[in-house]
Amino acid sequence: MTTTVQFQTQVKNLIDSLKGICSNYGLGNSGDEYIIITQTFLYKFLNDKFAYEVKQLNPELAKADNWQKAIEQLSEEEYEMLTLQLSADTAVLKPHHFISHLFGIQNKSDFALTFDDTLMDIAIQNNDIFSVVTTSGSKEPLFERISEKIDEGDRNAFAKAVINQLVDFSFEHIFNEKYDFYATIFEYLIKDYNNDSGGTYAEYYTPHAVAKIMASILVTEDNIQDVTCYDPSAGSGTLLMNLAHAIGEDKCTIYSQDVSKKSSKLLRLNLILNNLVHSLQNVVRGNTILAPYHKDDNGQLQKFDYIVSNPPFKLDFSEYRDDLDSKENNERFFAGIPNIPKKKKESMAIYSLFLQHIMFSLTKTGKAAIVVPTGFITAQSGIDKKIRQQMVKSKMLAGVVSMPSNIFATTGTSVSIIFLDRNNTDEVVLIDASNLGTKIKEGKNQKTVLSSDEEQFIINTFNAKISEDDFSVVVKYNEIKEKNYSLSAGQYFDIKIEYVDITQEEFEKTFEEFESYINALLKESESLGKQIQLNLKGLNYE
């Protein structure tokens, strides 16, 4: 095993150990477990990131037998000068914030309180950079008091168990690792907490294959600089991280909004792990459809260069549906707002509102990729069709990829990816990838997994605009209009008739076989007809 793979295993073991601690104190698989796991993990990560940075800035600290003791010997002025040189993605800590310091005082009678106070103090000290804002303008701090989630009599023991688990582990030698390393760690860290068990605002983790395909088709240029990337339903940020990695983390600024507090916390962690701390100020918790947050200097909704989204397909928005039907929203929701069904309010097509919002939020040269239920691409009436008509009329449709069923393990809904490109004035690529992939079991659910070769085949076919028999087709906008705006690739495939050369003798023999088969069916039909007549005669009123 390589050093990187070995360390990934060690990190996963750390995560499992923290989960074990939660289980021992009655929080295994509870609603609070994800907060404790992600926050203790983040606390350790920020501790080690600080240690790594100060040692780079002051080599004498790196040489010291105990760098924590050495840094405590610095004067207040020296310490401040050192912290002022830290990179923007490093939290500023004080000596009493160090895990080693807490380890040394773990037998205090009020240790759990000290542990929580330490987390809160770090959050306050770094609130300007590391907090998440809400649409109301308030800031949600980096940490919260996690010991309070434990029964009062067990809090000290719990806090000691956490500190003892963290103290001998170090991230310091892997801070130069790239996106793929941290993506693997992040996926493992949240794998039990980002699923469809969250109730009304359930977060569906977007599969890596979907995220990779979206980013690889959106980003084809090499010289992209200083662009904005946006997700109006960001979840834990899988799509944004893949997009930022394809562009270059230092070449883009992330913007996001999501109604879920849980998702905003996970997205913040994802940004910190992936060297995108400079975008934390743009992470917003709030309802994008009702109150979109990001606006330009004139108070108008901000436009973005790249937009990715896996919006909710079914969500009850009946409480604020009528508030959306206003003059200021007429342009944003150009195709209309779904009506409230009498039953199953959660079945309302809220994705259509996100689609319209995304189209409205693109710059004049912007690109977007949006996951939609496959039924959207062929709907023959209503809002869905109006949206497709507008995509064609404004010549912003780049193409569609219809994915295999069960590409999401948590839902059986078939999905397609809509690609928009305001520069695409000519040809549209339609791909039917529904027959690709291998079906596997994931827990109780069946999931379809694409191989890396299959992922690349989809990407290459789309980007090169290649027509492949029964897989892809390249069409003009007027052809889509003629097909009643259908975006299903299958409706554009040529119907092929295969001709086989045979002799007259072979033809006559084949014809006789067909004739014999048809005669047998006719005799059987006659016999069944007589039997039915007899049965009918045997029926009487009584």
Protein backbone atom coordinates (compact mmCIF):
# COMPACT_ATOMS: atom_id res chain seq x y z
CA MET A 1 0.00 0.00 0.00
CA THR A 2 1.14 3.53 -0.72
CA THR A 3 1.63 6.00 2.11
CA THR A 4 -1.47 7.94 1.01
CA VAL A 5 -3.68 4.86 1.02
CA GLN A 6 -2.29 3.83 4.38
CA PHE A 7 -3.07 7.24 5.82
CA GLN A 8 -6.57 7.19 4.38
CA THR A 9 -7.09 3.93 6.23
CA GLN A 10 -5.78 5.52 9.43
CA VAL A 11 -8.16 8.47 9.04
CA LYS A 12 -11.10 6.12 8.49
CA ASN A 13 -10.07 4.21 11.61
CA LEU A 14 -10.08 7.51 13.53
CA ILE A 15 -13.60 8.25 12.29
CA ASP A 16 -14.74 4.76 13.27
CA SER A 17 -13.20 5.22 16.73
CA LEU A 18 -15.08 8.49 17.22
CA LYS A 19 -18.29 6.74 16.17
CA GLY A 20 -17.49 4.03 18.68
CA ILE A 21 -17.22 6.64 21.45
CA CYS A 22 -20.63 8.05 20.48
CA SER A 23 -22.08 4.54 20.55
CA ASN A 24 -20.61 3.88 23.98
CA TYR A 25 -22.38 6.96 25.32
CA GLY A 26 -25.76 6.17 23.78
CA LEU A 27 -25.58 8.36 20.67
CA GLY A 28 -24.87 5.75 18.02
CA ASN A 29 -26.98 6.49 14.89
CA SER A 30 -28.72 9.33 16.75
CA GLY A 31 -29.55 12.75 15.34
CA ASP A 32 -26.67 14.26 17.32
CA GLU A 33 -23.99 11.79 16.31
CA TYR A 34 -23.15 13.49 13.01
CA ILE A 35 -22.61 16.83 14.83
CA ILE A 36 -20.18 15.27 17.31
CA ILE A 37 -18.28 13.27 14.68
CA THR A 38 -17.92 16.08 12.14
CA GLN A 39 -17.08 18.73 14.74
CA THR A 40 -14.45 16.70 16.60
CA PHE A 41 -12.93 15.73 13.26
CA LEU A 42 -12.87 19.39 12.20
CA TYR A 43 -11.39 20.46 15.54
CA LYS A 44 -8.52 17.99 15.06
CA PHE A 45 -8.03 19.03 11.42
CA LEU A 46 -7.82 22.74 12.31
CA ASN A 47 -5.42 22.03 15.20
CA ASP A 48 -3.05 20.17 12.92
CA LYS A 49 -3.41 22.71 10.11
CA PHE A 50 -2.38 25.45 12.55
CA ALA A 51 0.60 23.37 13.72
CA TYR A 52 1.67 22.72 10.13
CA GLU A 53 1.46 26.41 9.19
CA VAL A 54 3.33 27.83 12.21
CA LYS A 55 6.13 25.29 11.77
CA GLN A 56 6.48 26.36 8.14
CA LEU A 57 6.64 30.01 9.20
CA ASN A 58 8.98 29.45 12.15
CA PRO A 59 11.42 26.56 11.56
CA GLU A 60 12.59 26.75 15.18
CA LEU A 61 9.17 25.49 16.25
CA ALA A 62 9.53 22.51 13.93
CA LYS A 63 12.90 21.65 15.51
CA ALA A 64 11.60 21.87 19.08
CA ASP A 65 11.02 18.65 21.03
CA ASN A 66 7.63 20.03 22.01
CA TRP A 67 6.37 22.71 19.62
CA GLN A 68 3.37 23.52 21.83
CA LYS A 69 5.65 24.36 24.76
CA ALA A 70 7.94 26.32 22.45
CA ILE A 71 5.11 28.44 21.06
CA GLU A 72 3.91 29.22 24.56
CA GLN A 73 7.30 30.85 25.21
CA LEU A 74 6.70 33.46 22.50
CA SER A 75 5.75 36.95 23.60
CA GLU A 76 2.27 38.26 22.79
CA GLU A 77 3.75 40.44 20.04
CA GLU A 78 5.72 37.54 18.52
CA TYR A 79 2.65 35.32 18.65
CA GLU A 80 0.48 37.92 16.96
CA MET A 81 3.05 38.50 14.21
CA LEU A 82 3.17 34.77 13.62
CA THR A 83 -0.59 34.38 13.36
CA LEU A 84 -0.89 37.36 11.02
CA GLN A 85 1.22 35.43 8.50
CA LEU A 86 -1.08 32.41 8.49
CA SER A 87 -2.86 31.58 5.24
CA ALA A 88 -6.50 32.59 4.99
CA ASP A 89 -7.69 28.98 5.23
CA THR A 90 -6.05 28.42 8.63
CA ALA A 91 -7.96 29.10 11.84
CA VAL A 92 -6.11 31.22 14.39
CA LEU A 93 -5.65 29.30 17.66
CA LYS A 94 -4.30 30.18 21.08
CA PRO A 95 -2.15 27.80 23.16
CA HIS A 96 -5.09 26.92 25.40
CA HIS A 97 -6.99 25.78 22.28
CA PHE A 98 -4.48 23.02 21.49
CA ILE A 99 -5.56 19.42 21.88
CA SER A 100 -2.31 18.79 23.75
CA HIS A 101 -3.34 21.44 26.31
CA LEU A 102 -6.73 19.81 26.86
CA PHE A 103 -5.02 16.43 27.15
CA GLY A 104 -2.89 17.79 29.98
CA ILE A 105 -5.87 19.05 32.00
CA GLN A 106 -8.32 16.24 31.28
CA ASN A 107 -8.69 15.28 34.96
CA LYS A 108 -10.24 18.63 35.90
CA SER A 109 -13.62 18.23 37.58
CA ASP A 110 -15.30 20.40 34.95
CA PHE A 111 -13.34 19.13 31.94
CA ALA A 112 -16.39 18.77 29.67
CA LEU A 113 -17.23 22.44 30.26
CA THR A 114 -13.64 23.42 29.43
CA PHE A 115 -13.78 21.27 26.29
CA ASP A 116 -16.97 22.99 25.09
CA ASP A 117 -15.66 26.44 26.06
CA THR A 118 -12.55 25.76 23.96
CA LEU A 119 -14.60 24.93 20.87
CA MET A 120 -16.80 27.97 21.33
CA ASP A 121 -13.79 30.25 21.85
CA ILE A 122 -12.20 28.99 18.61
CA ALA A 123 -15.51 29.66 16.83
CA ILE A 124 -15.74 33.20 18.20
CA GLN A 125 -12.11 34.01 17.41
CA ASN A 126 -12.59 32.89 13.78
CA ASN A 127 -16.22 33.85 13.26
CA ASP A 128 -15.61 36.37 10.46
CA ILE A 129 -14.08 33.76 8.16
CA PHE A 130 -15.48 30.39 9.22
CA SER A 131 -19.14 31.12 10.01
CA VAL A 132 -22.11 30.34 7.76
CA VAL A 133 -24.59 33.16 7.18
CA THR A 134 -28.37 32.79 7.06
CA THR A 135 -30.79 34.71 4.86
CA SER A 136 -31.78 36.74 7.92
CA GLY A 137 -28.17 37.92 8.28
CA SER A 138 -27.26 35.98 11.43
CA LYS A 139 -24.07 33.89 11.56
CA GLU A 140 -23.90 30.24 12.52
CA PRO A 141 -20.57 29.64 14.28
CA LEU A 142 -18.00 26.99 13.45
CA PHE A 143 -18.62 24.90 16.58
CA GLU A 144 -21.29 24.32 19.18
CA ARG A 145 -21.32 22.74 22.64
CA ILE A 146 -21.17 19.05 21.87
CA SER A 147 -20.73 17.69 25.41
CA GLU A 148 -24.21 18.94 26.25
CA LYS A 149 -25.59 16.25 23.98
CA ILE A 150 -24.38 13.65 26.50
CA ASP A 151 -26.10 12.78 29.79
CA GLU A 152 -24.74 15.16 32.42
CA GLY A 153 -23.08 12.47 34.53
CA ASP A 154 -21.13 11.13 31.54
CA ARG A 155 -19.92 14.40 30.02
CA ASN A 156 -16.42 14.51 31.53
CA ALA A 157 -15.73 10.90 30.62
CA PHE A 158 -17.01 11.48 27.10
CA ALA A 159 -14.85 14.58 26.57
CA LYS A 160 -11.79 12.74 27.92
CA ALA A 161 -12.44 9.81 25.57
CA VAL A 162 -12.57 12.16 22.57
CA ILE A 163 -9.36 14.02 23.50
CA ASN A 164 -7.49 10.77 24.17
CA GLN A 165 -8.54 9.53 20.73
CA LEU A 166 -7.36 12.72 18.99
CA VAL A 167 -4.08 13.45 20.76
CA ASP A 168 -1.87 10.77 19.14
CA PHE A 169 -3.15 11.30 15.59
CA SER A 170 -1.77 13.91 13.18
CA PHE A 171 -2.80 15.30 9.81
CA GLU A 172 0.37 17.36 9.46
CA HIS A 173 2.17 15.34 6.80
CA ILE A 174 -0.76 15.24 4.33
CA PHE A 175 -1.76 18.90 3.96
CA ASN A 176 -0.22 18.97 0.49
CA GLU A 177 -2.55 16.22 -0.73
CA LYS A 178 -5.03 17.12 -3.44
CA TYR A 179 -8.78 16.96 -3.95
CA ASP A 180 -9.17 13.21 -4.54
CA PHE A 181 -7.60 12.42 -1.16
CA TYR A 182 -9.93 14.68 0.79
CA ALA A 183 -12.98 13.73 -1.29
CA THR A 184 -12.49 10.10 -0.25
CA ILE A 185 -12.15 11.10 3.41
CA PHE A 186 -15.17 13.40 3.30
CA GLU A 187 -17.37 10.76 1.68
CA TYR A 188 -16.41 8.28 4.39
CA LEU A 189 -16.89 10.85 7.13
CA ILE A 190 -20.49 11.64 6.19
CA LYS A 191 -21.59 8.36 4.60
CA ASP A 192 -24.04 7.61 7.41
CA TYR A 193 -25.33 11.16 7.79
CA ASN A 194 -26.19 12.36 4.29
CA ASN A 195 -29.05 10.16 3.16
CA ASP A 196 -32.82 10.08 2.80
CA SER A 197 -33.57 9.53 6.49
CA GLY A 198 -33.58 13.20 7.35
CA GLY A 199 -37.31 13.78 7.04
CA THR A 200 -38.74 16.75 5.16
CA TYR A 201 -35.42 18.19 4.06
CA ALA A 202 -33.64 14.93 3.28
CA GLU A 203 -30.20 15.34 1.76
CA TYR A 204 -29.50 12.99 -1.12
CA TYR A 205 -25.81 12.42 -1.66
CA THR A 206 -25.02 12.87 -5.34
CA PRO A 207 -23.04 9.87 -6.65
CA HIS A 208 -19.46 10.56 -7.67
CA ALA A 209 -20.16 9.38 -11.24
CA VAL A 210 -22.91 11.98 -11.70
CA ALA A 211 -20.76 14.76 -10.21
CA LYS A 212 -17.75 13.82 -12.35
CA ILE A 213 -19.79 13.70 -15.58
CA MET A 214 -21.36 17.09 -14.85
CA ALA A 215 -18.03 18.78 -14.08
CA SER A 216 -16.15 17.19 -16.99
CA ILE A 217 -18.76 18.27 -19.53
CA LEU A 218 -19.09 21.80 -18.12
CA VAL A 219 -15.34 22.45 -17.87
CA THR A 220 -13.49 21.81 -21.13
CA GLU A 221 -11.21 24.87 -21.29
CA ASP A 222 -7.75 25.05 -19.69
CA ASN A 223 -7.39 28.79 -19.16
CA ILE A 224 -10.39 29.55 -16.94
CA GLN A 225 -9.73 32.39 -14.50
CA ASP A 226 -11.70 34.13 -11.76
CA VAL A 227 -15.15 32.59 -12.35
CA THR A 228 -18.16 32.17 -10.07
CA CYS A 229 -19.70 28.76 -9.31
CA TYR A 230 -23.15 28.41 -7.76
CA ASP A 231 -25.46 25.71 -6.42
CA PRO A 232 -28.90 26.84 -5.23
CA SER A 233 -29.55 23.49 -3.51
CA ALA A 234 -26.00 22.68 -2.49
CA GLY A 235 -26.46 19.89 0.03
CA SER A 236 -23.04 18.82 1.31
CA GLY A 237 -21.35 20.28 -1.77
CA THR A 238 -20.38 17.23 -3.83
CA LEU A 239 -21.25 18.91 -7.13
CA LEU A 240 -19.52 22.18 -6.21
CA MET A 241 -16.34 20.40 -5.07
CA ASN A 242 -16.08 18.45 -8.33
CA LEU A 243 -16.70 21.62 -10.34
CA ALA A 244 -14.15 23.65 -8.38
CA HIS A 245 -11.58 20.89 -8.73
CA ALA A 246 -12.11 20.74 -12.52
CA ILE A 247 -11.66 24.52 -12.80
CA GLY A 248 -8.97 24.89 -10.12
CA GLU A 249 -9.74 25.80 -6.51
CA ASP A 250 -7.72 29.02 -6.80
CA LYS A 251 -9.47 30.09 -10.01
CA CYS A 252 -13.08 30.13 -8.83
CA THR A 253 -15.30 31.43 -6.05
CA ILE A 254 -18.06 29.24 -4.66
CA TYR A 255 -21.59 30.48 -3.88
CA SER A 256 -24.30 28.31 -2.41
CA GLN A 257 -27.62 28.23 -0.64
CA ASP A 258 -29.52 25.39 1.01
CA VAL A 259 -32.46 25.34 3.41
CA SER A 260 -30.94 22.57 5.54
CA LYS A 261 -28.84 23.50 8.57
CA LYS A 262 -27.26 20.06 8.47
CA SER A 263 -26.23 20.43 4.83
CA SER A 264 -24.72 23.86 5.44
CA LYS A 265 -22.53 22.44 8.22
CA LEU A 266 -21.36 19.58 5.99
CA LEU A 267 -20.70 21.94 3.08
CA ARG A 268 -18.59 24.17 5.33
CA LEU A 269 -16.51 21.16 6.36
CA ASN A 270 -16.13 20.16 2.71
CA LEU A 271 -14.90 23.63 1.74
CA ILE A 272 -12.39 23.69 4.61
CA LEU A 273 -11.00 20.28 3.66
CA ASN A 274 -10.71 21.26 0.00
CA ASN A 275 -8.84 24.55 0.28
CA LEU A 276 -11.89 26.70 -0.45
CA VAL A 277 -12.10 28.63 2.82
CA HIS A 278 -12.12 31.88 0.82
CA SER A 279 -15.67 30.96 -0.28
CA LEU A 280 -17.11 30.27 3.17
CA GLN A 281 -18.55 33.79 3.35
CA ASN A 282 -20.77 32.84 0.38
CA VAL A 283 -22.30 29.75 2.01
CA VAL A 284 -25.85 30.66 2.96
CA ARG A 285 -28.50 28.74 4.83
CA GLY A 286 -31.96 29.64 3.62
CA ASN A 287 -34.77 28.97 1.17
CA THR A 288 -33.48 29.70 -2.34
CA ILE A 289 -36.90 29.59 -3.99
CA LEU A 290 -38.60 31.87 -1.49
CA ALA A 291 -35.69 34.16 -0.60
CA PRO A 292 -32.63 33.89 -2.88
CA TYR A 293 -29.76 35.51 -1.02
CA HIS A 294 -26.98 36.33 -3.47
CA LYS A 295 -27.45 39.73 -5.12
CA ASP A 296 -25.30 42.22 -7.04
CA ASP A 297 -24.49 45.81 -6.11
CA ASN A 298 -27.79 46.98 -7.62
CA GLY A 299 -29.85 44.63 -5.47
CA GLN A 300 -30.63 42.35 -8.40
CA LEU A 301 -30.16 38.57 -8.24
CA GLN A 302 -26.54 37.73 -8.96
CA LYS A 303 -25.63 35.97 -12.20
CA PHE A 304 -23.10 33.12 -12.22
CA ASP A 305 -20.64 31.65 -14.72
CA TYR A 306 -21.21 28.02 -13.71
CA ILE A 307 -24.21 26.49 -11.96
CA VAL A 308 -24.63 22.90 -10.80
CA SER A 309 -27.59 21.47 -8.95
CA ASN A 310 -29.30 18.29 -7.83
CA PRO A 311 -32.50 19.95 -6.61
CA PRO A 312 -35.22 18.19 -4.60
CA PHE A 313 -37.71 16.47 -6.90
CA LYS A 314 -40.57 16.26 -4.39
CA LEU A 315 -41.03 18.74 -1.58
CA ASP A 316 -44.07 20.40 -0.05
CA PHE A 317 -43.83 24.16 -0.56
CA SER A 318 -47.56 24.82 -0.13
CA GLU A 319 -46.93 27.14 2.84
CA TYR A 320 -45.23 29.74 0.69
CA ARG A 321 -46.48 28.85 -2.79
CA ASP A 322 -48.73 31.91 -3.07
CA ASP A 323 -45.88 34.19 -1.94
CA LEU A 324 -43.99 33.22 -5.10
CA ASP A 325 -46.78 34.43 -7.38
CA SER A 326 -45.69 38.06 -7.49
CA LYS A 327 -44.54 40.60 -10.08
CA GLU A 328 -40.91 40.45 -8.97
CA ASN A 329 -40.91 36.70 -9.65
CA ASN A 330 -42.61 36.82 -13.05
CA GLU A 331 -39.32 36.87 -14.94
CA ARG A 332 -37.60 34.33 -12.71
CA PHE A 333 -40.47 31.82 -12.86
CA PHE A 334 -41.31 32.49 -16.50
CA ALA A 335 -42.97 29.10 -17.11
CA GLY A 336 -45.18 29.25 -14.04
CA ILE A 337 -45.46 27.95 -10.49
CA PRO A 338 -46.83 24.43 -9.87
CA ASN A 339 -50.30 24.25 -8.40
CA ILE A 340 -51.00 22.60 -5.06
CA PRO A 341 -52.35 19.07 -5.56
CA LYS A 342 -55.29 18.07 -3.35
CA LYS A 343 -53.36 15.03 -2.14
CA LYS A 344 -49.67 14.26 -1.65
CA LYS A 345 -48.46 17.83 -1.33
CA GLU A 346 -44.87 16.57 -1.17
CA SER A 347 -45.23 15.42 -4.80
CA MET A 348 -45.20 18.98 -6.13
CA ALA A 349 -42.60 19.45 -8.86
CA ILE A 350 -40.37 21.88 -6.97
CA TYR A 351 -37.47 20.97 -9.29
CA SER A 352 -39.20 23.02 -12.01
CA LEU A 353 -38.78 26.12 -9.84
CA PHE A 354 -35.08 25.41 -9.34
CA LEU A 355 -34.67 24.89 -13.09
CA GLN A 356 -36.24 28.26 -13.85
CA HIS A 357 -34.20 29.94 -11.11
CA ILE A 358 -30.99 28.49 -12.59
CA MET A 359 -31.83 29.61 -16.12
CA PHE A 360 -32.51 33.09 -14.77
CA SER A 361 -29.25 33.10 -12.78
CA LEU A 362 -26.82 32.37 -15.64
CA THR A 363 -24.52 35.03 -17.03
CA LYS A 364 -24.67 35.79 -20.76
CA THR A 365 -21.93 33.20 -21.33
CA GLY A 366 -22.84 30.90 -18.43
CA LYS A 367 -23.07 27.12 -18.26
CA ALA A 368 -25.15 24.85 -16.05
CA ALA A 369 -25.80 21.18 -15.31
CA ILE A 370 -28.95 20.13 -13.44
CA VAL A 371 -30.21 16.72 -12.35
CA VAL A 372 -33.91 16.26 -13.17
CA PRO A 373 -36.37 13.36 -13.13
CA THR A 374 -36.27 11.78 -16.59
CA GLY A 375 -40.00 12.42 -17.00
CA PHE A 376 -39.14 16.11 -17.40
CA ILE A 377 -37.50 15.58 -20.80
CA THR A 378 -40.65 14.22 -22.49
CA ALA A 379 -43.58 15.86 -20.63
CA GLN A 380 -46.10 16.87 -23.30
CA SER A 381 -47.68 19.80 -21.52
CA GLY A 382 -47.50 22.13 -18.55
CA ILE A 383 -44.55 23.87 -16.94
CA ASP A 384 -41.99 21.23 -17.91
CA LYS A 385 -42.70 21.63 -21.60
CA LYS A 386 -42.66 25.43 -21.35
CA ILE A 387 -39.20 25.26 -19.76
CA ARG A 388 -37.89 23.04 -22.57
CA GLN A 389 -39.41 25.36 -25.15
CA GLN A 390 -37.57 28.30 -23.59
CA MET A 391 -34.28 26.36 -23.58
CA VAL A 392 -34.67 25.80 -27.32
CA LYS A 393 -36.02 29.26 -28.13
CA SER A 394 -33.16 31.00 -26.32
CA LYS A 395 -30.61 28.53 -27.75
CA MET A 396 -29.10 27.70 -24.38
CA LEU A 397 -29.52 23.91 -24.42
CA ALA A 398 -26.24 22.01 -24.81
CA GLY A 399 -27.59 18.51 -24.29
CA VAL A 400 -29.06 15.81 -22.09
CA VAL A 401 -27.65 12.63 -20.59
CA SER A 402 -30.24 10.11 -19.42
CA MET A 403 -28.65 8.04 -16.66
CA PRO A 404 -29.19 4.37 -15.74
CA SER A 405 -31.97 3.59 -13.29
CA ASN A 406 -30.97 3.39 -9.60
CA ILE A 407 -27.89 5.55 -10.12
CA PHE A 408 -29.03 6.97 -6.75
CA ALA A 409 -29.24 4.11 -4.25
CA THR A 410 -31.75 6.04 -2.14
CA THR A 411 -34.38 6.56 -4.83
CA GLY A 412 -35.71 4.54 -7.74
CA THR A 413 -36.54 7.67 -9.75
CA SER A 414 -34.80 7.66 -13.13
CA VAL A 415 -32.77 10.81 -13.64
CA SER A 416 -31.32 12.79 -16.51
CA ILE A 417 -28.79 15.61 -16.53
CA ILE A 418 -29.69 18.79 -18.41
CA PHE A 419 -26.70 20.76 -19.71
CA LEU A 420 -27.11 24.45 -20.54
CA ASP A 421 -24.63 26.66 -22.38
CA ARG A 422 -25.53 30.16 -23.49
CA ASN A 423 -22.83 29.93 -26.17
CA ASN A 424 -24.31 26.79 -27.75
CA THR A 425 -26.21 28.18 -30.72
CA ASP A 426 -25.97 25.16 -33.01
CA GLU A 427 -26.04 21.45 -32.16
CA VAL A 428 -27.48 19.63 -29.14
CA VAL A 429 -26.18 16.28 -27.87
CA LEU A 430 -28.70 13.74 -26.54
CA ILE A 431 -27.35 10.62 -24.83
CA ASP A 432 -29.20 7.55 -23.60
CA ALA A 433 -26.84 5.94 -21.05
CA SER A 434 -29.63 3.93 -19.43
CA ASN A 435 -28.12 0.60 -20.50
CA LEU A 436 -24.71 1.24 -18.96
CA GLY A 437 -23.51 0.29 -15.50
CA THR A 438 -23.47 -2.71 -13.18
CA LYS A 439 -26.16 -3.33 -10.59
CA ILE A 440 -24.98 -3.92 -7.02
CA LYS A 441 -26.58 -4.13 -3.58
CA GLU A 442 -25.98 -1.23 -1.20
CA GLY A 443 -27.59 -2.08 2.10
CA LYS A 444 -31.22 -2.84 1.36
CA ASN A 445 -31.15 -0.88 -1.87
CA GLN A 446 -30.08 -1.76 -5.38
CA LYS A 447 -27.69 0.66 -7.03
CA THR A 448 -26.25 0.99 -10.52
CA VAL A 449 -22.54 1.78 -10.65
CA LEU A 450 -20.74 3.11 -13.72
CA SER A 451 -17.18 2.04 -14.37
CA SER A 452 -14.56 4.72 -14.95
CA ASP A 453 -14.45 3.70 -18.63
CA GLU A 454 -18.22 4.13 -18.93
CA GLU A 455 -18.05 7.54 -17.26
CA GLN A 456 -15.33 8.61 -19.70
CA PHE A 457 -17.28 7.21 -22.66
CA ILE A 458 -20.24 9.45 -21.77
CA ILE A 459 -17.97 12.48 -21.28
CA ASN A 460 -16.01 11.96 -24.52
CA THR A 461 -19.15 11.31 -26.58
CA PHE A 462 -20.82 14.48 -25.31
CA ASN A 463 -17.82 16.79 -25.59
CA ALA A 464 -16.87 15.56 -29.07
CA LYS A 465 -20.54 15.60 -30.19
CA ILE A 466 -20.43 12.04 -31.53
CA SER A 467 -23.45 10.11 -32.78
CA GLU A 468 -23.33 6.46 -31.66
CA ASP A 469 -25.95 3.91 -32.71
CA ASP A 470 -28.58 3.50 -29.98
CA PHE A 471 -26.52 5.62 -27.58
CA SER A 472 -26.21 9.22 -28.73
CA VAL A 473 -27.49 11.60 -31.35
CA VAL A 474 -26.56 15.15 -32.37
CA VAL A 475 -29.53 17.28 -33.41
CA LYS A 476 -30.36 20.84 -34.41
CA TYR A 477 -32.72 23.09 -32.48
CA ASN A 478 -35.32 22.95 -35.25
CA GLU A 479 -35.32 19.13 -35.09
CA ILE A 480 -36.14 19.31 -31.37
CA LYS A 481 -38.99 21.69 -32.15
CA GLU A 482 -40.34 19.26 -34.77
CA LYS A 483 -40.31 16.46 -32.17
CA ASN A 484 -42.55 18.51 -29.86
CA TYR A 485 -39.50 19.56 -27.81
CA SER A 486 -38.72 16.03 -26.66
CA LEU A 487 -35.21 15.67 -25.26
CA SER A 488 -35.22 11.87 -25.21
CA ALA A 489 -32.39 10.53 -27.37
CA GLY A 490 -34.38 7.41 -28.30
CA GLN A 491 -36.94 9.45 -30.21
CA TYR A 492 -34.23 10.62 -32.60
CA PHE A 493 -32.53 7.29 -33.27
CA ASP A 494 -32.85 5.94 -36.80
CA ILE A 495 -35.07 2.88 -37.21
CA LYS A 496 -32.87 0.32 -38.90
CA ILE A 497 -34.24 -2.48 -41.09
CA GLU A 498 -31.81 -5.33 -41.58
CA TYR A 499 -31.86 -7.09 -44.97
CA VAL A 500 -30.56 -10.65 -45.27
CA ASP A 501 -29.87 -12.36 -48.58
CA ILE A 502 -31.65 -15.75 -48.79
CA THR A 503 -32.44 -18.20 -51.59
CA GLN A 504 -35.94 -18.78 -52.95
CA GLU A 505 -35.94 -22.20 -51.30
CA GLU A 506 -35.10 -20.66 -47.90
CA PHE A 507 -37.78 -18.05 -48.39
CA GLU A 508 -40.48 -20.63 -49.22
CA LYS A 509 -39.48 -22.78 -46.23
CA THR A 510 -39.59 -19.80 -43.85
CA PHE A 511 -42.95 -18.72 -45.29
CA GLU A 512 -44.39 -22.22 -44.77
CA GLU A 513 -43.26 -22.15 -41.13
CA PHE A 514 -44.95 -18.79 -40.60
CA GLU A 515 -48.13 -19.99 -42.31
CA SER A 516 -48.21 -23.16 -40.20
CA TYR A 517 -47.70 -21.15 -37.01
CA ILE A 518 -50.50 -18.71 -37.89
CA ASN A 519 -52.91 -21.56 -38.76
CA ALA A 520 -52.20 -23.18 -35.40
CA LEU A 521 -53.00 -19.91 -33.64
CA LEU A 522 -56.25 -19.57 -35.61
CA LYS A 523 -57.37 -23.10 -34.67
CA GLU A 524 -56.58 -22.46 -31.04
CA SER A 525 -58.53 -19.19 -31.23
CA GLU A 526 -61.54 -20.99 -32.78
CA SER A 527 -61.47 -23.62 -30.03
CA LEU A 528 -61.27 -21.00 -27.31
CA GLY A 529 -64.15 -19.09 -28.91
CA LYS A 530 -66.41 -22.15 -28.82
CA GLN A 531 -65.50 -22.84 -25.21
CA ILE A 532 -66.38 -19.26 -24.24
CA GLN A 533 -69.77 -19.56 -25.98
CA LEU A 534 -70.54 -22.77 -24.06
CA ASN A 535 -69.58 -21.15 -20.80
CA LEU A 536 -71.81 -18.16 -21.53
CA LYS A 537 -74.80 -20.43 -22.19
CA GLY A 538 -74.27 -22.02 -18.78
CA LEU A 539 -74.67 -18.74 -16.96
CA ASN A 540 -78.05 -17.93 -15.33
CA TYR A 541 -79.52 -15.20 -13.14
CA GLU A 542 -79.43 -17.18 -9.89
